[in-house]
Protein backbone atom coordinates (compact mmCIF):
# COMPACT_ATOMS: atom_id res chain seq x y z
CA MET A 1 0.00 0.00 0.00
CA ALA A 2 2.90 2.35 0.76
CA ALA A 3 4.22 1.83 -2.77
CA THR A 4 0.87 2.80 -4.29
CA LEU A 5 0.87 5.99 -2.21
CA ILE A 6 4.23 6.96 -3.69
CA TRP A 7 3.26 6.07 -7.26
CA GLY A 8 0.00 7.98 -6.94
CA SER A 9 2.01 11.14 -6.47
CA THR A 10 3.94 10.70 -9.73
CA PHE A 11 1.41 10.95 -12.58
CA VAL A 12 1.26 14.73 -12.72
CA LEU A 13 5.02 14.94 -12.11
CA VAL A 14 5.85 12.58 -14.99
CA LYS A 15 3.46 14.44 -17.30
CA ASP A 16 5.32 17.68 -16.58
CA VAL A 17 8.91 16.43 -16.63
CA THR A 18 8.61 14.55 -19.96
CA ALA A 19 8.36 17.97 -21.62
CA ALA A 20 12.04 18.44 -20.71
CA VAL A 21 13.38 14.88 -20.40
CA PRO A 22 12.35 12.37 -23.14
CA PRO A 23 10.73 9.10 -21.95
CA SER A 24 13.66 6.70 -22.51
CA TRP A 25 16.15 9.05 -20.88
CA LEU A 26 13.86 9.49 -17.90
CA VAL A 27 13.40 5.73 -17.46
CA GLY A 28 17.08 4.93 -18.07
CA ILE A 29 18.42 7.57 -15.69
CA ARG A 30 16.09 6.84 -12.78
CA PHE A 31 16.66 3.07 -12.90
CA THR A 32 20.44 3.26 -13.42
CA CYS A 33 20.74 5.52 -10.39
CA ALA A 34 18.39 3.27 -8.42
CA THR A 35 20.62 0.27 -9.24
CA ALA A 36 23.63 2.05 -7.74
CA VAL A 37 21.66 2.97 -4.62
CA LEU A 38 20.57 -0.63 -4.00
CA ALA A 39 24.05 -2.02 -4.70
CA VAL A 40 25.44 0.22 -1.96
CA CYS A 41 22.58 -0.32 0.48
CA PHE A 42 22.73 -4.13 0.34
CA LEU A 43 26.50 -4.72 0.37
CA LYS A 44 25.97 -7.32 3.09
CA ARG A 45 24.24 -9.44 0.42
CA ARG A 46 27.03 -9.00 -2.16
CA ALA A 47 27.77 -12.74 -2.11
CA LEU A 48 24.48 -13.12 -4.03
CA TYR A 49 25.14 -10.34 -6.53
CA LEU A 50 26.50 -12.72 -9.17
CA ASP A 51 24.20 -15.66 -8.51
CA ARG A 52 23.28 -16.79 -12.03
CA GLY A 53 19.67 -17.66 -11.26
CA THR A 54 19.05 -14.30 -9.58
CA VAL A 55 20.77 -12.38 -12.39
CA ARG A 56 18.70 -14.11 -15.08
CA ALA A 57 15.47 -13.67 -13.13
CA GLY A 58 16.20 -10.03 -12.39
CA LEU A 59 17.00 -9.21 -16.01
CA ALA A 60 13.82 -10.96 -17.18
CA CYS A 61 11.76 -8.88 -14.74
CA GLY A 62 13.71 -5.81 -15.81
CA LEU A 63 12.92 -6.31 -19.49
CA ALA A 64 9.19 -6.58 -18.76
CA LEU A 65 9.31 -3.57 -16.45
CA PHE A 66 11.22 -1.47 -19.00
CA CYS A 67 8.60 -2.14 -21.66
CA ALA A 68 5.88 -1.24 -19.13
CA TYR A 69 7.44 2.03 -17.97
CA TYR A 70 8.58 3.07 -21.43
CA LEU A 71 5.14 2.59 -22.97
CA GLN A 72 3.42 4.24 -19.99
CA THR A 73 5.81 7.23 -20.01
CA TRP A 74 5.55 7.59 -23.78
CA GLY A 75 1.79 7.23 -23.60
CA ILE A 76 1.33 9.97 -21.00
CA THR A 77 2.74 12.50 -23.46
CA ASP A 78 -0.42 12.03 -25.58
CA THR A 79 -3.11 11.57 -22.92
CA THR A 80 -4.17 12.96 -19.54
CA PRO A 81 -2.67 11.79 -16.23
CA GLY A 82 -6.10 10.52 -15.14
CA LYS A 83 -6.66 8.38 -18.23
CA ASN A 84 -3.07 7.18 -18.05
CA ALA A 85 -3.66 6.01 -14.48
CA PHE A 86 -6.93 4.28 -15.39
CA LEU A 87 -5.60 2.49 -18.45
CA THR A 88 -2.46 1.38 -16.61
CA ALA A 89 -4.60 -0.05 -13.81
CA THR A 90 -6.31 -2.43 -16.23
CA TYR A 91 -3.51 -4.85 -15.32
CA CYS A 92 -5.68 -5.81 -12.34
CA VAL A 93 -7.95 -7.60 -14.81
CA ILE A 94 -5.09 -9.09 -16.85
CA VAL A 95 -3.03 -10.50 -13.96
CA PRO A 96 -5.38 -13.30 -12.77
CA PHE A 97 -5.61 -14.75 -16.27
CA LEU A 98 -1.92 -14.30 -17.02
CA ALA A 99 -1.04 -16.02 -13.73
CA TRP A 100 -3.44 -18.81 -14.64
CA ALA A 101 -1.76 -19.27 -18.04
CA THR A 102 1.85 -19.10 -16.81
CA LEU A 103 1.83 -20.20 -13.17
CA ARG A 104 -1.19 -22.53 -13.32
CA ARG A 105 -2.84 -20.58 -10.50
CA ARG A 106 -6.53 -20.53 -11.24
CA PRO A 107 -8.14 -17.27 -10.08
CA THR A 108 -10.92 -17.62 -7.54
CA ARG A 109 -14.32 -16.12 -8.25
CA TYR A 110 -13.60 -13.58 -5.54
CA SER A 111 -10.45 -12.42 -7.36
CA LEU A 112 -12.41 -12.01 -10.59
CA MET A 113 -15.24 -10.15 -8.88
CA GLY A 114 -12.75 -7.92 -7.09
CA ALA A 115 -10.85 -7.18 -10.30
CA ALA A 116 -14.04 -6.18 -12.11
CA CYS A 117 -15.09 -3.96 -9.21
CA ALA A 118 -11.64 -2.33 -9.06
CA LEU A 119 -11.66 -1.70 -12.79
CA ALA A 120 -15.06 0.00 -12.54
CA GLY A 121 -13.79 2.16 -9.70
CA VAL A 122 -10.63 3.18 -11.50
CA GLY A 123 -12.74 3.96 -14.55
CA LEU A 124 -14.87 6.40 -12.55
CA ILE A 125 -11.72 8.04 -11.23
CA GLY A 126 -9.70 8.18 -14.42
CA LEU A 127 -11.95 8.49 -17.42
CA GLY A 128 -14.45 11.13 -16.40
CA GLY A 129 -16.32 12.31 -19.45
CA GLY A 130 -13.81 11.23 -22.09
CA VAL A 131 -13.71 7.67 -23.42
CA GLY A 132 -11.93 8.15 -26.74
CA ILE A 133 -8.80 6.13 -27.45
CA SER A 134 -5.80 8.16 -28.58
CA THR A 135 -2.34 6.95 -29.54
CA GLY A 136 -1.25 7.69 -25.99
CA ASP A 137 -4.12 5.61 -24.64
CA ALA A 138 -3.15 2.66 -26.86
CA LEU A 139 0.48 2.87 -25.73
CA THR A 140 -0.64 2.97 -22.10
CA LEU A 141 -2.80 -0.13 -22.59
CA ALA A 142 0.18 -1.95 -24.06
CA GLY A 143 2.17 -0.85 -21.03
CA ALA A 144 -0.50 -2.29 -18.75
CA LEU A 145 0.02 -5.72 -20.34
CA PHE A 146 3.72 -5.57 -19.47
CA PHE A 147 2.96 -4.37 -15.93
CA ALA A 148 0.79 -7.46 -15.56
CA LEU A 149 3.59 -9.65 -16.92
CA HIS A 150 6.02 -8.03 -14.49
CA ILE A 151 3.75 -8.77 -11.52
CA VAL A 152 3.48 -12.42 -12.53
CA LEU A 153 7.24 -12.76 -13.09
CA VAL A 154 8.02 -11.21 -9.71
CA ALA A 155 5.53 -13.57 -8.06
CA ARG A 156 7.32 -16.48 -9.67
CA PHE A 157 10.94 -15.50 -9.01
CA THR A 158 10.69 -14.04 -5.49
CA ARG A 159 9.79 -17.51 -4.23
CA ALA A 160 13.32 -18.74 -4.98
CA CYS A 161 15.47 -15.58 -5.20
CA ASP A 162 16.51 -12.98 -2.66
CA PRO A 163 14.01 -10.15 -3.36
CA TYR A 164 16.54 -7.39 -2.62
CA VAL A 165 19.21 -8.65 -5.03
CA LEU A 166 16.52 -9.58 -7.56
CA THR A 167 15.28 -5.98 -7.43
CA MET A 168 18.80 -4.65 -7.97
CA TRP A 169 19.28 -6.70 -11.15
CA GLN A 170 15.78 -5.82 -12.26
CA PHE A 171 16.69 -2.12 -11.99
CA ALA A 172 19.93 -2.76 -13.89
CA GLY A 173 18.01 -4.37 -16.75
CA VAL A 174 15.57 -1.46 -16.97
CA GLY A 175 18.39 1.09 -16.81
CA VAL A 176 20.43 -0.54 -19.59
CA CYS A 177 17.37 -0.89 -21.84
CA GLY A 178 16.31 2.69 -21.21
CA LEU A 179 19.69 4.26 -21.92
CA THR A 180 20.20 2.07 -25.02
CA VAL A 181 16.86 3.09 -26.53
CA ALA A 182 17.50 6.71 -25.54
CA LEU A 183 20.90 6.85 -27.27
CA ILE A 184 19.42 5.33 -30.43
CA SER A 185 16.12 7.17 -30.72
CA GLU A 186 15.99 10.31 -28.58
CA PRO A 187 17.92 13.57 -28.28
CA MET A 188 19.97 13.96 -25.13
CA PRO A 189 18.40 16.30 -22.57
CA THR A 190 20.07 19.68 -22.20
CA TRP A 191 20.77 19.45 -18.50
CA SER A 192 22.10 23.00 -18.24
CA VAL A 193 18.71 24.50 -19.15
CA LEU A 194 16.59 22.26 -16.92
CA GLU A 195 14.81 24.02 -14.11
CA ALA A 196 15.44 23.11 -10.49
CA SER A 197 11.92 21.66 -10.29
CA ASP A 198 12.70 19.26 -13.16
CA LEU A 199 15.85 18.01 -11.43
CA ALA A 200 13.95 17.64 -8.16
CA THR A 201 11.28 15.61 -9.95
CA VAL A 202 13.87 13.26 -11.47
CA ALA A 203 15.46 12.83 -8.03
CA TYR A 204 12.07 12.08 -6.42
CA LEU A 205 11.20 9.57 -9.14
CA THR A 206 14.58 7.88 -8.70
CA VAL A 207 14.69 7.60 -4.92
CA PHE A 208 11.07 7.18 -3.92
CA ALA A 209 9.02 6.08 -6.97
CA THR A 210 11.71 3.65 -8.15
CA THR A 211 14.12 2.55 -5.43
CA VAL A 212 11.75 2.55 -2.45
CA ALA A 213 8.39 1.77 -4.05
CA LEU A 214 9.47 -1.06 -6.35
CA LEU A 215 11.57 -2.64 -3.62
CA LEU A 216 8.50 -2.60 -1.35
CA GLN A 217 6.44 -4.19 -4.13
CA ASN A 218 8.92 -7.00 -4.76
CA VAL A 219 9.32 -7.81 -1.06
CA ALA A 220 5.56 -7.76 -0.53
CA GLN A 221 4.93 -9.96 -3.56
CA SER A 222 7.08 -12.70 -2.06
CA ARG A 223 4.14 -13.18 0.33
CA LEU A 224 1.15 -12.35 -1.88
CA ALA A 225 -0.69 -14.03 -4.74
CA PRO A 226 -0.38 -12.15 -8.07
CA ALA A 227 -4.12 -11.39 -8.24
CA THR A 228 -4.09 -10.01 -4.71
CA ALA A 229 -1.05 -7.84 -5.42
CA SER A 230 -2.62 -6.42 -8.58
CA LEU A 231 -5.79 -5.46 -6.68
CA ILE A 232 -3.86 -3.66 -3.97
CA LEU A 233 -1.79 -1.85 -6.60
CA THR A 234 -4.95 -0.32 -8.10
CA PHE A 235 -4.96 2.02 -5.09
CA GLU A 236 -2.26 3.86 -7.05
CA SER A 237 -5.04 5.54 -9.07
CA VAL A 238 -6.89 6.55 -5.90
CA PHE A 239 -3.82 8.19 -4.44
CA GLY A 240 -3.11 9.77 -7.82
CA VAL A 241 -6.43 11.61 -7.71
CA VAL A 242 -5.98 12.49 -4.04
CA PHE A 243 -2.68 14.20 -4.84
CA SER A 244 -4.27 15.94 -7.83
CA VAL A 245 -7.00 17.31 -5.57
CA ILE A 246 -4.47 18.43 -2.95
CA MET A 247 -2.38 20.16 -5.63
CA GLY A 248 -5.47 21.86 -7.06
CA ALA A 249 -5.29 20.00 -10.38
CA GLU A 250 -8.68 18.31 -9.91
CA GLN A 251 -11.88 18.85 -7.94
CA LEU A 252 -13.34 16.23 -5.60
CA THR A 253 -16.68 15.09 -7.03
CA GLY A 254 -19.30 12.45 -6.34
CA ARG A 255 -17.89 10.43 -9.25
CA LEU A 256 -14.46 10.33 -7.63
CA LEU A 257 -15.89 9.35 -4.25
CA ALA A 258 -17.85 6.54 -5.93
CA GLY A 259 -14.64 5.34 -7.57
CA PHE A 260 -12.83 5.30 -4.22
CA ALA A 261 -15.67 3.27 -2.71
CA LEU A 262 -15.60 0.69 -5.52
CA ILE A 263 -11.84 0.18 -5.26
CA PHE A 264 -12.06 -0.21 -1.49
CA ALA A 265 -14.91 -2.68 -2.01
CA SER A 266 -12.77 -4.65 -4.47
CA VAL A 267 -10.22 -5.43 -1.78
CA LEU A 268 -12.98 -6.41 0.63
CA ILE A 269 -14.48 -8.74 -2.00
CA ALA A 270 -11.17 -10.35 -2.94
CA GLU A 271 -9.62 -10.66 0.52
CA VAL A 272 -11.99 -10.05 3.43
CA LEU A 273 -15.16 -11.70 2.07
CA PRO A 274 -13.65 -15.12 1.21
CA ALA A 275 -11.81 -15.28 4.54
CA TRP A 276 -15.03 -14.44 6.39
CA LEU A 277 -17.00 -17.04 4.43
CA GLN A 278 -14.32 -19.66 5.04
CA LYS A 279 -14.41 -18.96 8.77
CA ARG A 280 -18.20 -19.11 8.76
CA ARG A 281 -18.20 -22.47 6.94
CA ALA A 282 -15.64 -23.81 9.41
CA LEU A 283 -17.83 -22.80 12.33
CA GLN A 284 -20.75 -24.56 10.67
CA GLY A 285 -18.69 -27.69 10.14
CA ALA A 286 -18.42 -27.43 6.32
CA GLY A 287 -15.12 -27.33 4.47
CA PRO A 288 -14.26 -24.51 2.04
CA SER A 289 -15.27 -25.07 -1.56
CA GLU A 290 -12.27 -23.24 -3.04
CA PRO A 291 -9.09 -21.46 -1.93
CA ALA A 292 -10.15 -18.30 -0.19
CA THR A 293 -7.10 -16.19 0.43
CA ALA A 294 -3.59 -15.55 -0.79
CA GLU A 295 -2.25 -17.77 2.01
CA VAL A 296 -3.95 -20.73 0.32
CA LEU A 297 -3.07 -19.75 -3.23
CA VAL A 298 0.64 -19.18 -2.66
CA PRO A 299 2.93 -21.63 -0.89
CA LYS A 300 5.05 -20.16 1.90
CA MET A 301 8.72 -19.47 1.38
CA ALA A 302 11.18 -21.96 2.75
CA GLY A 303 11.92 -21.21 6.38
CA GLU A 304 8.68 -19.35 7.08
CA ALA A 305 6.67 -20.31 10.11
């Protein structure tokens, strides 16, 4: 949840800074710097830095994440921050089916109901009165597919790999891809003419929205089912609107409040409701008809109590 709070604050910032720093440069710089930060912070784990399995897994996650961030950042240059947030959050619908196809984890009916409810809530928050699909919208939708793939890959690899070192190599993969694409296809930013606010935005995106938030996501996903993680991550759009309201970029309306309520309800449907029903059936002496919570869907890590 903390990660979604941080990401919710970035949509307006990214929209503004891409006018001065092209998308690939922005992605490449923030993730390369984040790699260096993690490498220094986790020196005690340096014995794992060159573990082949972790390196391969991290780079695979990094490739998916680069495609996601690049398409999302490129897409936001041709759409509004609200629509960008909504269309990105469609991964909450994609993840259960992608996890089913790749990890053989069949989504429960509660996950599917929760995903549909969350999507409706994000739609109320993000779309407003406009439903047309622009080039930016199409790019953002493509990015959502890769965000979903990234969530599934992280769910798979954090079961066997150290999540901190995995995140470091993931960042390295994104950084290399971003800088490579930037050198080939985009003009280099003129750093001398950037305003202090632009540099502060890049620093915030690097430290908080990348290093801290994605590390929190990867560590949390080592204990969550992919469908559950994707539902919780939809709160990013809620916090995005909250920050927009605080900054005066958007007015709080009944439509937004309804969207908040639907997203909150989605988590209750996917997590609280099945656990309550399972407990009720147990008290009545009947066994559960299907896995109810993430604890059932995802095996515990070795060494966990």
